Amino acid sequence: MNKRNVFTLIGFTLFLIGFMSIVLTLVGMNYSFLSWIESLPAPFGFVTKLVLMFGGMIMLYISKTYEPLNEKEVS
């Protein structure tokens, strides 16, 4: 697996976790491994979930649009 595929996988995972945590919050549930986010004050918990979501989208965008300039940058 090269670096672009790894960053794509990490970005998609972050986006999916952030999106699903917001959706689950709307129906009154949450992921147990993200329960520390729920203990934060209300706006900080929501902003943290948004950062997960948008950070994942940014990683996806960068990993899919970056073109290496020469052979040395590929490895």
PDB file of N, CA and C in Angstrom:
ATOM      1  N   MET A   1       0.845  -1.182   0.000  1.00  0.00           N
ATOM      2  CA  MET A   1       0.000   0.000   0.000  1.00  0.00           C
ATOM      3  C   MET A   1       0.887   1.240   0.000  1.00  0.00           C
ATOM      4  N   ASN A   2       0.640   2.144  -0.911  1.00  0.00           N
ATOM      5  CA  ASN A   2       1.445   3.355  -0.923  1.00  0.00           C
ATOM      6  C   ASN A   2       0.822   4.430  -0.021  1.00  0.00           C
ATOM      7  N   LYS A   3       1.530   5.528   0.108  1.00  0.00           N
ATOM      8  CA  LYS A   3       1.105   6.578   1.046  1.00  0.00           C
ATOM      9  C   LYS A   3      -0.227   7.196   0.664  1.00  0.00           C
ATOM     10  N   ARG A   4      -0.482   7.346  -0.626  1.00  0.00           N
ATOM     11  CA  ARG A   4      -1.749   7.949  -1.052  1.00  0.00           C
ATOM     12  C   ARG A   4      -2.923   7.092  -0.621  1.00  0.00           C
ATOM     13  N   ASN A   5      -2.803   5.778  -0.748  1.00  0.00           N
ATOM     14  CA  ASN A   5      -3.887   4.891  -0.338  1.00  0.00           C
ATOM     15  C   ASN A   5      -4.094   4.922   1.169  1.00  0.00           C
ATOM     16  N   VAL A   6      -3.003   5.011   1.914  1.00  0.00           N
ATOM     17  CA  VAL A   6      -3.112   5.081   3.375  1.00  0.00           C
ATOM     18  C   VAL A   6      -3.814   6.368   3.799  1.00  0.00           C
ATOM     19  N   PHE A   7      -3.422   7.504   3.210  1.00  0.00           N
ATOM     20  CA  PHE A   7      -4.070   8.766   3.553  1.00  0.00           C
ATOM     21  C   PHE A   7      -5.531   8.778   3.117  1.00  0.00           C
ATOM     22  N   THR A   8      -5.850   8.139   2.012  1.00  0.00           N
ATOM     23  CA  THR A   8      -7.240   8.040   1.584  1.00  0.00           C
ATOM     24  C   THR A   8      -8.051   7.239   2.582  1.00  0.00           C
ATOM     25  N   LEU A   9      -7.513   6.126   3.040  1.00  0.00           N
ATOM     26  CA  LEU A   9      -8.207   5.291   4.013  1.00  0.00           C
ATOM     27  C   LEU A   9      -8.400   6.016   5.343  1.00  0.00           C
ATOM     28  N   ILE A  10      -7.355   6.689   5.817  1.00  0.00           N
ATOM     29  CA  ILE A  10      -7.454   7.436   7.070  1.00  0.00           C
ATOM     30  C   ILE A  10      -8.458   8.585   6.934  1.00  0.00           C
ATOM     31  N   GLY A  11      -8.409   9.302   5.828  1.00  0.00           N
ATOM     32  CA  GLY A  11      -9.336  10.407   5.603  1.00  0.00           C
ATOM     33  C   GLY A  11     -10.778   9.946   5.547  1.00  0.00           C
ATOM     34  N   PHE A  12     -11.028   8.848   4.833  1.00  0.00           N
ATOM     35  CA  PHE A  12     -12.389   8.332   4.762  1.00  0.00           C
ATOM     36  C   PHE A  12     -12.876   7.858   6.122  1.00  0.00           C
ATOM     37  N   THR A  13     -11.988   7.219   6.888  1.00  0.00           N
ATOM     38  CA  THR A  13     -12.361   6.753   8.219  1.00  0.00           C
ATOM     39  C   THR A  13     -12.690   7.920   9.138  1.00  0.00           C
ATOM     40  N   LEU A  14     -11.873   8.964   9.117  1.00  0.00           N
ATOM     41  CA  LEU A  14     -12.161  10.151   9.934  1.00  0.00           C
ATOM     42  C   LEU A  14     -13.487  10.792   9.540  1.00  0.00           C
ATOM     43  N   PHE A  15     -13.719  10.925   8.231  1.00  0.00           N
ATOM     44  CA  PHE A  15     -14.969  11.509   7.769  1.00  0.00           C
ATOM     45  C   PHE A  15     -16.158  10.663   8.218  1.00  0.00           C
ATOM     46  N   LEU A  16     -16.068   9.359   8.049  1.00  0.00           N
ATOM     47  CA  LEU A  16     -17.169   8.474   8.411  1.00  0.00           C
ATOM     48  C   LEU A  16     -17.442   8.503   9.910  1.00  0.00           C
ATOM     49  N   ILE A  17     -16.405   8.487  10.726  1.00  0.00           N
ATOM     50  CA  ILE A  17     -16.594   8.536  12.182  1.00  0.00           C
ATOM     51  C   ILE A  17     -17.211   9.867  12.589  1.00  0.00           C
ATOM     52  N   GLY A  18     -16.719  10.975  12.026  1.00  0.00           N
ATOM     53  CA  GLY A  18     -17.277  12.280  12.358  1.00  0.00           C
ATOM     54  C   GLY A  18     -18.723  12.415  11.936  1.00  0.00           C
ATOM     55  N   PHE A  19     -19.032  11.979  10.719  1.00  0.00           N
ATOM     56  CA  PHE A  19     -20.405  12.075  10.213  1.00  0.00           C
ATOM     57  C   PHE A  19     -21.350  11.195  11.021  1.00  0.00           C
ATOM     58  N   MET A  20     -20.938   9.959  11.260  1.00  0.00           N
ATOM     59  CA  MET A  20     -21.816   9.047  12.007  1.00  0.00           C
ATOM     60  C   MET A  20     -21.982   9.479  13.455  1.00  0.00           C
ATOM     61  N   SER A  21     -20.965  10.072  14.055  1.00  0.00           N
ATOM     62  CA  SER A  21     -21.122  10.534  15.438  1.00  0.00           C
ATOM     63  C   SER A  21     -22.113  11.691  15.521  1.00  0.00           C
ATOM     64  N   ILE A  22     -22.147  12.557  14.493  1.00  0.00           N
ATOM     65  CA  ILE A  22     -23.135  13.633  14.471  1.00  0.00           C
ATOM     66  C   ILE A  22     -24.532  13.058  14.275  1.00  0.00           C
ATOM     67  N   VAL A  23     -24.679  12.104  13.372  1.00  0.00           N
ATOM     68  CA  VAL A  23     -25.977  11.480  13.133  1.00  0.00           C
ATOM     69  C   VAL A  23     -26.462  10.746  14.385  1.00  0.00           C
ATOM     70  N   LEU A  24     -25.567  10.013  15.033  1.00  0.00           N
ATOM     71  CA  LEU A  24     -25.961   9.282  16.239  1.00  0.00           C
ATOM     72  C   LEU A  24     -26.328  10.232  17.378  1.00  0.00           C
ATOM     73  N   THR A  25     -25.668  11.380  17.449  1.00  0.00           N
ATOM     74  CA  THR A  25     -26.004  12.366  18.464  1.00  0.00           C
ATOM     75  C   THR A  25     -27.424  12.892  18.251  1.00  0.00           C
ATOM     76  N   LEU A  26     -27.829  13.031  17.007  1.00  0.00           N
ATOM     77  CA  LEU A  26     -29.174  13.522  16.710  1.00  0.00           C
ATOM     78  C   LEU A  26     -30.265  12.566  17.190  1.00  0.00           C
ATOM     79  N   VAL A  27     -29.974  11.271  17.239  1.00  0.00           N
ATOM     80  CA  VAL A  27     -30.964  10.299  17.709  1.00  0.00           C
ATOM     81  C   VAL A  27     -30.722   9.873  19.157  1.00  0.00           C
ATOM     82  N   GLY A  28     -29.764  10.527  19.828  1.00  0.00           N
ATOM     83  CA  GLY A  28     -29.549  10.284  21.253  1.00  0.00           C
ATOM     84  C   GLY A  28     -28.590   9.172  21.599  1.00  0.00           C
ATOM     85  N   MET A  29     -27.774   8.732  20.662  1.00  0.00           N
ATOM     86  CA  MET A  29     -26.785   7.686  20.929  1.00  0.00           C
ATOM     87  C   MET A  29     -25.399   8.235  20.636  1.00  0.00           C
ATOM     88  N   ASN A  30     -24.364   7.463  20.995  1.00  0.00           N
ATOM     89  CA  ASN A  30     -22.998   7.862  20.666  1.00  0.00           C
ATOM     90  C   ASN A  30     -22.097   6.632  20.644  1.00  0.00           C
ATOM     91  N   TYR A  31     -20.952   6.800  20.002  1.00  0.00           N
ATOM     92  CA  TYR A  31     -19.934   5.751  20.019  1.00  0.00           C
ATOM     93  C   TYR A  31     -19.292   5.715  21.395  1.00  0.00           C
ATOM     94  N   SER A  32     -19.023   4.510  21.890  1.00  0.00           N
ATOM     95  CA  SER A  32     -18.430   4.407  23.228  1.00  0.00           C
ATOM     96  C   SER A  32     -16.983   4.912  23.240  1.00  0.00           C
ATOM     97  N   PHE A  33     -16.240   4.743  22.143  1.00  0.00           N
ATOM     98  CA  PHE A  33     -14.858   5.205  22.132  1.00  0.00           C
ATOM     99  C   PHE A  33     -14.758   6.718  21.945  1.00  0.00           C
ATOM    100  N   LEU A  34     -15.868   7.391  21.635  1.00  0.00           N
ATOM    101  CA  LEU A  34     -15.890   8.849  21.541  1.00  0.00           C
ATOM    102  C   LEU A  34     -16.673   9.477  22.692  1.00  0.00           C
ATOM    103  N   SER A  35     -16.862   8.735  23.762  1.00  0.00           N
ATOM    104  CA  SER A  35     -17.646   9.255  24.885  1.00  0.00           C
ATOM    105  C   SER A  35     -16.956  10.430  25.571  1.00  0.00           C
ATOM    106  N   TRP A  36     -15.641  10.533  25.442  1.00  0.00           N
ATOM    107  CA  TRP A  36     -14.939  11.674  26.047  1.00  0.00           C
ATOM    108  C   TRP A  36     -15.325  12.973  25.352  1.00  0.00           C
ATOM    109  N   ILE A  37     -15.721  12.889  24.080  1.00  0.00           N
ATOM    110  CA  ILE A  37     -16.174  14.089  23.375  1.00  0.00           C
ATOM    111  C   ILE A  37     -17.501  14.567  23.940  1.00  0.00           C
ATOM    112  N   GLU A  38     -18.353  13.623  24.321  1.00  0.00           N
ATOM    113  CA  GLU A  38     -19.654  13.977  24.884  1.00  0.00           C
ATOM    114  C   GLU A  38     -19.523  14.655  26.242  1.00  0.00           C
ATOM    115  N   SER A  39     -18.418  14.411  26.958  1.00  0.00           N
ATOM    116  CA  SER A  39     -18.234  15.037  28.267  1.00  0.00           C
ATOM    117  C   SER A  39     -17.762  16.489  28.156  1.00  0.00           C
ATOM    118  N   LEU A  40     -17.335  16.903  26.953  1.00  0.00           N
ATOM    119  CA  LEU A  40     -16.956  18.297  26.742  1.00  0.00           C
ATOM    120  C   LEU A  40     -18.204  19.175  26.743  1.00  0.00           C
ATOM    121  N   PRO A  41     -18.054  20.459  26.994  1.00  0.00           N
ATOM    122  CA  PRO A  41     -19.213  21.355  26.891  1.00  0.00           C
ATOM    123  C   PRO A  41     -19.820  21.281  25.482  1.00  0.00           C
ATOM    124  N   ALA A  42     -21.094  21.594  25.391  1.00  0.00           N
ATOM    125  CA  ALA A  42     -21.876  21.372  24.165  1.00  0.00           C
ATOM    126  C   ALA A  42     -21.226  21.894  22.882  1.00  0.00           C
ATOM    127  N   PRO A  43     -20.814  23.134  22.779  1.00  0.00           N
ATOM    128  CA  PRO A  43     -20.275  23.552  21.481  1.00  0.00           C
ATOM    129  C   PRO A  43     -18.935  22.894  21.148  1.00  0.00           C
ATOM    130  N   PHE A  44     -18.118  22.595  22.147  1.00  0.00           N
ATOM    131  CA  PHE A  44     -16.804  22.004  21.880  1.00  0.00           C
ATOM    132  C   PHE A  44     -16.924  20.565  21.383  1.00  0.00           C
ATOM    133  N   GLY A  45     -17.880  19.829  21.908  1.00  0.00           N
ATOM    134  CA  GLY A  45     -18.092  18.467  21.428  1.00  0.00           C
ATOM    135  C   GLY A  45     -18.536  18.436  19.979  1.00  0.00           C
ATOM    136  N   PHE A  46     -19.455  19.313  19.635  1.00  0.00           N
ATOM    137  CA  PHE A  46     -19.938  19.384  18.257  1.00  0.00           C
ATOM    138  C   PHE A  46     -18.837  19.858  17.315  1.00  0.00           C
ATOM    139  N   VAL A  47     -18.075  20.842  17.733  1.00  0.00           N
ATOM    140  CA  VAL A  47     -16.981  21.350  16.897  1.00  0.00           C
ATOM    141  C   VAL A  47     -15.917  20.270  16.701  1.00  0.00           C
ATOM    142  N   THR A  48     -15.657  19.475  17.718  1.00  0.00           N
ATOM    143  CA  THR A  48     -14.692  18.383  17.589  1.00  0.00           C
ATOM    144  C   THR A  48     -15.153  17.377  16.544  1.00  0.00           C
ATOM    145  N   LYS A  49     -16.432  17.067  16.528  1.00  0.00           N
ATOM    146  CA  LYS A  49     -16.968  16.147  15.527  1.00  0.00           C
ATOM    147  C   LYS A  49     -16.886  16.753  14.129  1.00  0.00           C
ATOM    148  N   LEU A  50     -17.140  18.050  14.023  1.00  0.00           N
ATOM    149  CA  LEU A  50     -17.004  18.713  12.722  1.00  0.00           C
ATOM    150  C   LEU A  50     -15.559  18.715  12.244  1.00  0.00           C
ATOM    151  N   VAL A  51     -14.619  18.902  13.170  1.00  0.00           N
ATOM    152  CA  VAL A  51     -13.194  18.865  12.810  1.00  0.00           C
ATOM    153  C   VAL A  51     -12.814  17.476  12.305  1.00  0.00           C
ATOM    154  N   LEU A  52     -13.333  16.430  12.934  1.00  0.00           N
ATOM    155  CA  LEU A  52     -13.087  15.069  12.444  1.00  0.00           C
ATOM    156  C   LEU A  52     -13.609  14.914  11.019  1.00  0.00           C
ATOM    157  N   MET A  53     -14.819  15.399  10.797  1.00  0.00           N
ATOM    158  CA  MET A  53     -15.445  15.246   9.496  1.00  0.00           C
ATOM    159  C   MET A  53     -14.713  16.042   8.416  1.00  0.00           C
ATOM    160  N   PHE A  54     -14.474  17.321   8.656  1.00  0.00           N
ATOM    161  CA  PHE A  54     -13.818  18.150   7.651  1.00  0.00           C
ATOM    162  C   PHE A  54     -12.340  17.803   7.504  1.00  0.00           C
ATOM    163  N   GLY A  55     -11.698  17.384   8.582  1.00  0.00           N
ATOM    164  CA  GLY A  55     -10.311  16.926   8.475  1.00  0.00           C
ATOM    165  C   GLY A  55     -10.202  15.706   7.580  1.00  0.00           C
ATOM    166  N   GLY A  56     -11.166  14.804   7.703  1.00  0.00           N
ATOM    167  CA  GLY A  56     -11.192  13.635   6.825  1.00  0.00           C
ATOM    168  C   GLY A  56     -11.407  14.011   5.374  1.00  0.00           C
ATOM    169  N   MET A  57     -12.301  14.979   5.127  1.00  0.00           N
ATOM    170  CA  MET A  57     -12.537  15.415   3.747  1.00  0.00           C
ATOM    171  C   MET A  57     -11.304  16.091   3.161  1.00  0.00           C
ATOM    172  N   ILE A  58     -10.596  16.860   3.975  1.00  0.00           N
ATOM    173  CA  ILE A  58      -9.389  17.523   3.494  1.00  0.00           C
ATOM    174  C   ILE A  58      -8.309  16.491   3.169  1.00  0.00           C
ATOM    175  N   MET A  59      -8.170  15.488   4.020  1.00  0.00           N
ATOM    176  CA  MET A  59      -7.191  14.430   3.744  1.00  0.00           C
ATOM    177  C   MET A  59      -7.548  13.674   2.464  1.00  0.00           C
ATOM    178  N   LEU A  60      -8.824  13.399   2.256  1.00  0.00           N
ATOM    179  CA  LEU A  60      -9.250  12.742   1.025  1.00  0.00           C
ATOM    180  C   LEU A  60      -8.922  13.592  -0.198  1.00  0.00           C
ATOM    181  N   TYR A  61      -9.220  14.870  -0.117  1.00  0.00           N
ATOM    182  CA  TYR A  61      -8.974  15.765  -1.242  1.00  0.00           C
ATOM    183  C   TYR A  61      -7.485  15.838  -1.578  1.00  0.00           C
ATOM    184  N   ILE A  62      -6.665  16.005  -0.555  1.00  0.00           N
ATOM    185  CA  ILE A  62      -5.227  16.120  -0.780  1.00  0.00           C
ATOM    186  C   ILE A  62      -4.652  14.815  -1.321  1.00  0.00           C
ATOM    187  N   SER A  63      -5.100  13.691  -0.778  1.00  0.00           N
ATOM    188  CA  SER A  63      -4.537  12.419  -1.234  1.00  0.00           C
ATOM    189  C   SER A  63      -4.948  12.084  -2.662  1.00  0.00           C
ATOM    190  N   LYS A  64      -6.077  12.609  -3.110  1.00  0.00           N
ATOM    191  CA  LYS A  64      -6.527  12.299  -4.469  1.00  0.00           C
ATOM    192  C   LYS A  64      -6.048  13.312  -5.504  1.00  0.00           C
ATOM    193  N   THR A  65      -5.644  14.512  -5.099  1.00  0.00           N
ATOM    194  CA  THR A  65      -5.249  15.520  -6.080  1.00  0.00           C
ATOM    195  C   THR A  65      -3.750  15.764  -6.134  1.00  0.00           C
ATOM    196  N   TYR A  66      -3.001  15.259  -5.191  1.00  0.00           N
ATOM    197  CA  TYR A  66      -1.561  15.504  -5.152  1.00  0.00           C
ATOM    198  C   TYR A  66      -0.866  14.677  -6.221  1.00  0.00           C
ATOM    199  N   GLU A  67      -0.063  15.325  -7.034  1.00  0.00           N
ATOM    200  CA  GLU A  67       0.748  14.651  -8.046  1.00  0.00           C
ATOM    201  C   GLU A  67       2.220  14.888  -7.731  1.00  0.00           C
ATOM    202  N   PRO A  68       2.996  13.827  -7.511  1.00  0.00           N
ATOM    203  CA  PRO A  68       4.420  14.019  -7.222  1.00  0.00           C
ATOM    204  C   PRO A  68       5.155  14.644  -8.413  1.00  0.00           C
ATOM    205  N   LEU A  69       6.137  15.498  -8.109  1.00  0.00           N
ATOM    206  CA  LEU A  69       6.870  16.202  -9.150  1.00  0.00           C
ATOM    207  C   LEU A  69       7.964  15.369  -9.785  1.00  0.00           C
ATOM    208  N   ASN A  70       8.579  14.504  -8.987  1.00  0.00           N
ATOM    209  CA  ASN A  70       9.652  13.684  -9.543  1.00  0.00           C
ATOM    210  C   ASN A  70       9.681  12.328  -8.857  1.00  0.00           C
ATOM    211  N   GLU A  71      10.605  11.493  -9.246  1.00  0.00           N
ATOM    212  CA  GLU A  71      10.699  10.142  -8.720  1.00  0.00           C
ATOM    213  C   GLU A  71      11.027  10.089  -7.228  1.00  0.00           C
ATOM    214  N   LYS A  72      11.774  11.064  -6.716  1.00  0.00           N
ATOM    215  CA  LYS A  72      12.195  11.049  -5.320  1.00  0.00           C
ATOM    216  C   LYS A  72      11.020  11.237  -4.373  1.00  0.00           C
ATOM    217  N   GLU A  73       9.984  11.933  -4.789  1.00  0.00           N
ATOM    218  CA  GLU A  73       8.841  12.204  -3.913  1.00  0.00           C
ATOM    219  C   GLU A  73       7.857  11.051  -3.876  1.00  0.00           C
ATOM    220  N   VAL A  74       7.976  10.070  -4.750  1.00  0.00           N
ATOM    221  CA  VAL A  74       7.025   8.974  -4.813  1.00  0.00           C
ATOM    222  C   VAL A  74       7.188   8.039  -3.625  1.00  0.00           C
ATOM    223  N   SER A  75       8.407   7.760  -3.203  1.00  0.00           N
ATOM    224  CA  SER A  75       8.638   6.793  -2.131  1.00  0.00           C
ATOM    225  C   SER A  75       8.471   7.358  -0.758  1.00  0.00           C
TER     226      SER A  75
END
